[in-house]
Amino acid sequence: MPHIVTQPCEGCISTACVDVCPATCFHRGNGILLIDPQECIDCGLCVEKCPVSAIFPDSEVPNKWASYIDLNEEAAAFPKITKQETPIGKCLKE
């Protein structure tokens, strides 16, 4: 069960989650981080590091953000991120 990045990450891109990922499965999409579900090992370490609570196990993604499951499926088409970078945008919990 891979983890999925959802709507609250849009415009935030903190990358704090990237540093704790042992599988290096994060990619920089268009204004959002994405998790490649083929690379995710379901460790869950990224969930607590996300400053906007945008990461969920795929079976627990809220219905209103279900489309993000398909978006994360496209992660491999974007550049991979392997270390934390300077945050982009406003990354505050709602």
N, C-alpha and C. Protein backbone atom coordinates (compact mmCIF):
# COMPACT_ATOMS: atom_id res chain seq x y z
N MET A 1 0.85 -1.18 0.00
CA MET A 1 0.00 0.00 0.00
C MET A 1 0.89 1.24 0.00
N PRO A 2 1.08 1.87 -1.14
CA PRO A 2 1.93 3.06 -1.20
C PRO A 2 1.25 4.27 -0.58
N HIS A 3 2.05 5.26 -0.29
CA HIS A 3 1.53 6.52 0.21
C HIS A 3 1.32 7.47 -0.96
N ILE A 4 0.40 8.42 -0.75
CA ILE A 4 -0.03 9.34 -1.79
C ILE A 4 0.08 10.78 -1.27
N VAL A 5 0.63 11.66 -2.09
CA VAL A 5 0.66 13.09 -1.77
C VAL A 5 -0.61 13.70 -2.35
N THR A 6 -1.30 14.52 -1.55
CA THR A 6 -2.59 15.09 -1.96
C THR A 6 -2.57 16.62 -2.00
N GLN A 7 -3.71 17.20 -2.23
CA GLN A 7 -3.90 18.63 -2.47
C GLN A 7 -3.19 19.58 -1.51
N PRO A 8 -3.14 19.33 -0.21
CA PRO A 8 -2.49 20.33 0.65
C PRO A 8 -1.03 20.61 0.30
N CYS A 9 -0.39 19.71 -0.42
CA CYS A 9 1.01 19.93 -0.83
C CYS A 9 1.11 20.93 -1.98
N GLU A 10 0.05 21.10 -2.73
CA GLU A 10 0.10 22.03 -3.87
C GLU A 10 0.47 23.42 -3.39
N GLY A 11 1.52 23.96 -3.97
CA GLY A 11 1.96 25.29 -3.60
C GLY A 11 2.84 25.33 -2.37
N CYS A 12 3.06 24.21 -1.72
CA CYS A 12 3.89 24.17 -0.51
C CYS A 12 5.29 23.66 -0.85
N ILE A 13 5.37 22.41 -1.22
CA ILE A 13 6.63 21.74 -1.54
C ILE A 13 7.69 21.99 -0.47
N SER A 14 7.45 21.48 0.72
CA SER A 14 8.36 21.60 1.85
C SER A 14 9.62 20.76 1.65
N THR A 15 9.51 19.57 1.16
CA THR A 15 10.55 18.56 0.96
C THR A 15 11.12 17.99 2.25
N ALA A 16 10.56 18.33 3.41
CA ALA A 16 11.01 17.72 4.67
C ALA A 16 10.78 16.21 4.64
N CYS A 17 9.76 15.79 3.95
CA CYS A 17 9.41 14.38 3.82
C CYS A 17 10.46 13.60 3.03
N VAL A 18 11.13 14.27 2.13
CA VAL A 18 12.10 13.62 1.25
C VAL A 18 13.30 13.10 2.05
N ASP A 19 13.75 13.86 3.03
CA ASP A 19 14.92 13.48 3.82
C ASP A 19 14.75 12.18 4.58
N VAL A 20 13.54 11.85 4.98
CA VAL A 20 13.32 10.65 5.78
C VAL A 20 12.97 9.42 4.95
N CYS A 21 12.83 9.59 3.65
CA CYS A 21 12.39 8.49 2.79
C CYS A 21 13.55 7.55 2.45
N PRO A 22 13.50 6.30 2.94
CA PRO A 22 14.58 5.37 2.63
C PRO A 22 14.51 4.81 1.21
N ALA A 23 13.39 5.00 0.54
CA ALA A 23 13.20 4.45 -0.80
C ALA A 23 13.44 5.47 -1.91
N THR A 24 13.70 6.71 -1.54
CA THR A 24 13.87 7.81 -2.51
C THR A 24 12.81 7.75 -3.62
N CYS A 25 11.56 7.80 -3.20
CA CYS A 25 10.46 7.67 -4.15
C CYS A 25 9.74 8.98 -4.45
N PHE A 26 10.29 10.11 -4.01
CA PHE A 26 9.65 11.40 -4.26
C PHE A 26 10.11 12.02 -5.57
N HIS A 27 9.16 12.67 -6.24
CA HIS A 27 9.42 13.38 -7.49
C HIS A 27 8.79 14.76 -7.40
N ARG A 28 9.40 15.73 -8.09
CA ARG A 28 8.85 17.09 -8.11
C ARG A 28 7.93 17.21 -9.32
N GLY A 29 6.62 17.29 -9.05
CA GLY A 29 5.64 17.49 -10.10
C GLY A 29 5.48 18.97 -10.39
N ASN A 30 4.41 19.33 -11.02
CA ASN A 30 4.12 20.74 -11.31
C ASN A 30 3.47 21.38 -10.09
N GLY A 31 4.28 21.97 -9.23
CA GLY A 31 3.77 22.64 -8.04
C GLY A 31 3.39 21.73 -6.90
N ILE A 32 3.82 20.46 -6.94
CA ILE A 32 3.48 19.49 -5.92
C ILE A 32 4.53 18.38 -5.93
N LEU A 33 4.79 17.81 -4.76
CA LEU A 33 5.62 16.61 -4.70
C LEU A 33 4.73 15.41 -4.98
N LEU A 34 5.31 14.37 -5.53
CA LEU A 34 4.58 13.14 -5.81
C LEU A 34 5.39 11.96 -5.32
N ILE A 35 4.70 10.89 -4.96
CA ILE A 35 5.35 9.65 -4.55
C ILE A 35 5.12 8.61 -5.64
N ASP A 36 6.19 8.02 -6.13
CA ASP A 36 6.07 6.96 -7.12
C ASP A 36 5.59 5.69 -6.40
N PRO A 37 4.37 5.24 -6.64
CA PRO A 37 3.84 4.09 -5.92
C PRO A 37 4.60 2.79 -6.20
N GLN A 38 5.34 2.75 -7.31
CA GLN A 38 6.14 1.57 -7.62
C GLN A 38 7.41 1.51 -6.77
N GLU A 39 7.82 2.65 -6.24
CA GLU A 39 9.04 2.72 -5.43
C GLU A 39 8.77 2.82 -3.93
N CYS A 40 7.58 3.26 -3.55
CA CYS A 40 7.22 3.44 -2.14
C CYS A 40 7.22 2.09 -1.42
N ILE A 41 7.89 2.04 -0.26
CA ILE A 41 7.94 0.80 0.52
C ILE A 41 6.97 0.83 1.70
N ASP A 42 6.10 1.85 1.74
CA ASP A 42 5.05 1.95 2.75
C ASP A 42 5.59 2.02 4.18
N CYS A 43 6.69 2.72 4.36
CA CYS A 43 7.25 2.85 5.72
C CYS A 43 6.49 3.88 6.54
N GLY A 44 5.89 4.88 5.87
CA GLY A 44 5.11 5.89 6.57
C GLY A 44 5.92 6.99 7.23
N LEU A 45 7.23 6.98 7.09
CA LEU A 45 8.06 8.00 7.74
C LEU A 45 7.76 9.41 7.25
N CYS A 46 7.34 9.53 6.01
CA CYS A 46 7.08 10.84 5.41
C CYS A 46 5.82 11.51 5.99
N VAL A 47 4.89 10.71 6.46
CA VAL A 47 3.61 11.25 6.92
C VAL A 47 3.79 12.28 8.03
N GLU A 48 4.57 11.95 9.04
CA GLU A 48 4.78 12.86 10.18
C GLU A 48 5.61 14.09 9.81
N LYS A 49 6.43 14.00 8.79
CA LYS A 49 7.28 15.12 8.39
C LYS A 49 6.57 16.15 7.52
N CYS A 50 5.43 15.79 6.97
CA CYS A 50 4.71 16.70 6.08
C CYS A 50 4.08 17.84 6.90
N PRO A 51 4.48 19.09 6.67
CA PRO A 51 3.96 20.19 7.47
C PRO A 51 2.50 20.55 7.18
N VAL A 52 1.94 20.01 6.09
CA VAL A 52 0.56 20.33 5.73
C VAL A 52 -0.35 19.11 5.74
N SER A 53 0.12 18.00 6.30
CA SER A 53 -0.67 16.76 6.41
C SER A 53 -1.26 16.34 5.06
N ALA A 54 -0.40 16.28 4.05
CA ALA A 54 -0.85 15.97 2.69
C ALA A 54 -0.63 14.52 2.28
N ILE A 55 0.03 13.71 3.12
CA ILE A 55 0.40 12.35 2.72
C ILE A 55 -0.45 11.31 3.45
N PHE A 56 -1.01 10.39 2.67
CA PHE A 56 -1.89 9.35 3.21
C PHE A 56 -1.55 8.00 2.59
N PRO A 57 -1.80 6.89 3.31
CA PRO A 57 -1.77 5.59 2.64
C PRO A 57 -2.83 5.61 1.55
N ASP A 58 -2.59 4.94 0.43
CA ASP A 58 -3.54 5.02 -0.68
C ASP A 58 -4.95 4.60 -0.31
N SER A 59 -5.10 3.72 0.66
CA SER A 59 -6.44 3.27 1.08
C SER A 59 -7.13 4.27 2.01
N GLU A 60 -6.42 5.31 2.44
CA GLU A 60 -6.99 6.29 3.37
C GLU A 60 -7.07 7.70 2.79
N VAL A 61 -6.82 7.83 1.50
CA VAL A 61 -6.92 9.16 0.87
C VAL A 61 -8.38 9.61 0.94
N PRO A 62 -8.62 10.82 1.48
CA PRO A 62 -10.00 11.32 1.54
C PRO A 62 -10.63 11.35 0.13
N ASN A 63 -11.90 11.04 0.07
CA ASN A 63 -12.61 10.99 -1.22
C ASN A 63 -12.42 12.25 -2.05
N LYS A 64 -12.40 13.40 -1.40
CA LYS A 64 -12.27 14.66 -2.15
C LYS A 64 -10.93 14.79 -2.86
N TRP A 65 -9.94 13.96 -2.47
CA TRP A 65 -8.62 14.00 -3.09
C TRP A 65 -8.28 12.69 -3.80
N ALA A 66 -9.27 11.89 -4.12
CA ALA A 66 -9.04 10.59 -4.77
C ALA A 66 -8.30 10.73 -6.10
N SER A 67 -8.48 11.84 -6.79
CA SER A 67 -7.80 12.02 -8.09
C SER A 67 -6.28 12.09 -7.93
N TYR A 68 -5.81 12.37 -6.73
CA TYR A 68 -4.37 12.44 -6.50
C TYR A 68 -3.71 11.06 -6.53
N ILE A 69 -4.49 10.01 -6.38
CA ILE A 69 -3.95 8.66 -6.52
C ILE A 69 -3.43 8.48 -7.94
N ASP A 70 -4.23 8.88 -8.93
CA ASP A 70 -3.81 8.79 -10.33
C ASP A 70 -2.64 9.74 -10.62
N LEU A 71 -2.66 10.92 -10.02
CA LEU A 71 -1.58 11.88 -10.23
C LEU A 71 -0.25 11.31 -9.74
N ASN A 72 -0.26 10.67 -8.57
CA ASN A 72 0.96 10.08 -8.04
C ASN A 72 1.45 8.93 -8.91
N GLU A 73 0.53 8.26 -9.61
CA GLU A 73 0.91 7.20 -10.54
C GLU A 73 1.82 7.72 -11.65
N GLU A 74 1.76 9.03 -11.91
CA GLU A 74 2.56 9.66 -12.96
C GLU A 74 3.89 10.20 -12.44
N ALA A 75 4.21 9.95 -11.19
CA ALA A 75 5.39 10.53 -10.55
C ALA A 75 6.68 10.28 -11.31
N ALA A 76 6.86 9.09 -11.86
CA ALA A 76 8.11 8.74 -12.53
C ALA A 76 8.40 9.62 -13.75
N ALA A 77 7.40 10.32 -14.24
CA ALA A 77 7.59 11.20 -15.40
C ALA A 77 8.24 12.53 -14.99
N PHE A 78 8.38 12.76 -13.70
CA PHE A 78 8.93 14.01 -13.18
C PHE A 78 10.30 13.76 -12.54
N PRO A 79 11.09 14.83 -12.35
CA PRO A 79 12.42 14.67 -11.74
C PRO A 79 12.35 14.12 -10.32
N LYS A 80 13.26 13.21 -10.02
CA LYS A 80 13.33 12.62 -8.68
C LYS A 80 14.03 13.59 -7.74
N ILE A 81 13.58 13.61 -6.49
CA ILE A 81 14.20 14.42 -5.44
C ILE A 81 14.75 13.45 -4.40
N THR A 82 16.01 13.60 -4.04
CA THR A 82 16.62 12.67 -3.11
C THR A 82 17.07 13.30 -1.80
N LYS A 83 16.93 14.62 -1.68
CA LYS A 83 17.31 15.29 -0.44
C LYS A 83 16.44 16.52 -0.24
N GLN A 84 16.37 16.97 1.00
CA GLN A 84 15.56 18.14 1.32
C GLN A 84 16.14 19.37 0.63
N GLU A 85 15.24 20.19 0.11
CA GLU A 85 15.61 21.43 -0.56
C GLU A 85 14.96 22.59 0.17
N THR A 86 15.28 23.79 -0.22
CA THR A 86 14.64 24.97 0.36
C THR A 86 13.15 24.90 0.04
N PRO A 87 12.29 25.06 1.06
CA PRO A 87 10.84 25.01 0.79
C PRO A 87 10.40 26.04 -0.24
N ILE A 88 9.41 25.66 -1.02
CA ILE A 88 8.84 26.55 -2.02
C ILE A 88 7.40 26.81 -1.60
N GLY A 89 6.99 28.05 -1.62
CA GLY A 89 5.60 28.38 -1.31
C GLY A 89 5.35 28.48 0.18
N LYS A 90 4.09 28.52 0.50
CA LYS A 90 3.66 28.67 1.89
C LYS A 90 3.28 27.31 2.44
N CYS A 91 3.99 26.85 3.43
CA CYS A 91 3.78 25.50 3.96
C CYS A 91 3.28 25.54 5.40
N LEU A 92 2.04 25.93 5.55
CA LEU A 92 1.44 25.99 6.88
C LEU A 92 0.24 25.06 6.93
N LYS A 93 0.03 24.41 8.08
CA LYS A 93 -1.14 23.56 8.23
C LYS A 93 -2.39 24.43 8.20
N GLU A 94 -3.42 23.89 7.56
CA GLU A 94 -4.69 24.63 7.47
C GLU A 94 -5.44 24.53 8.77
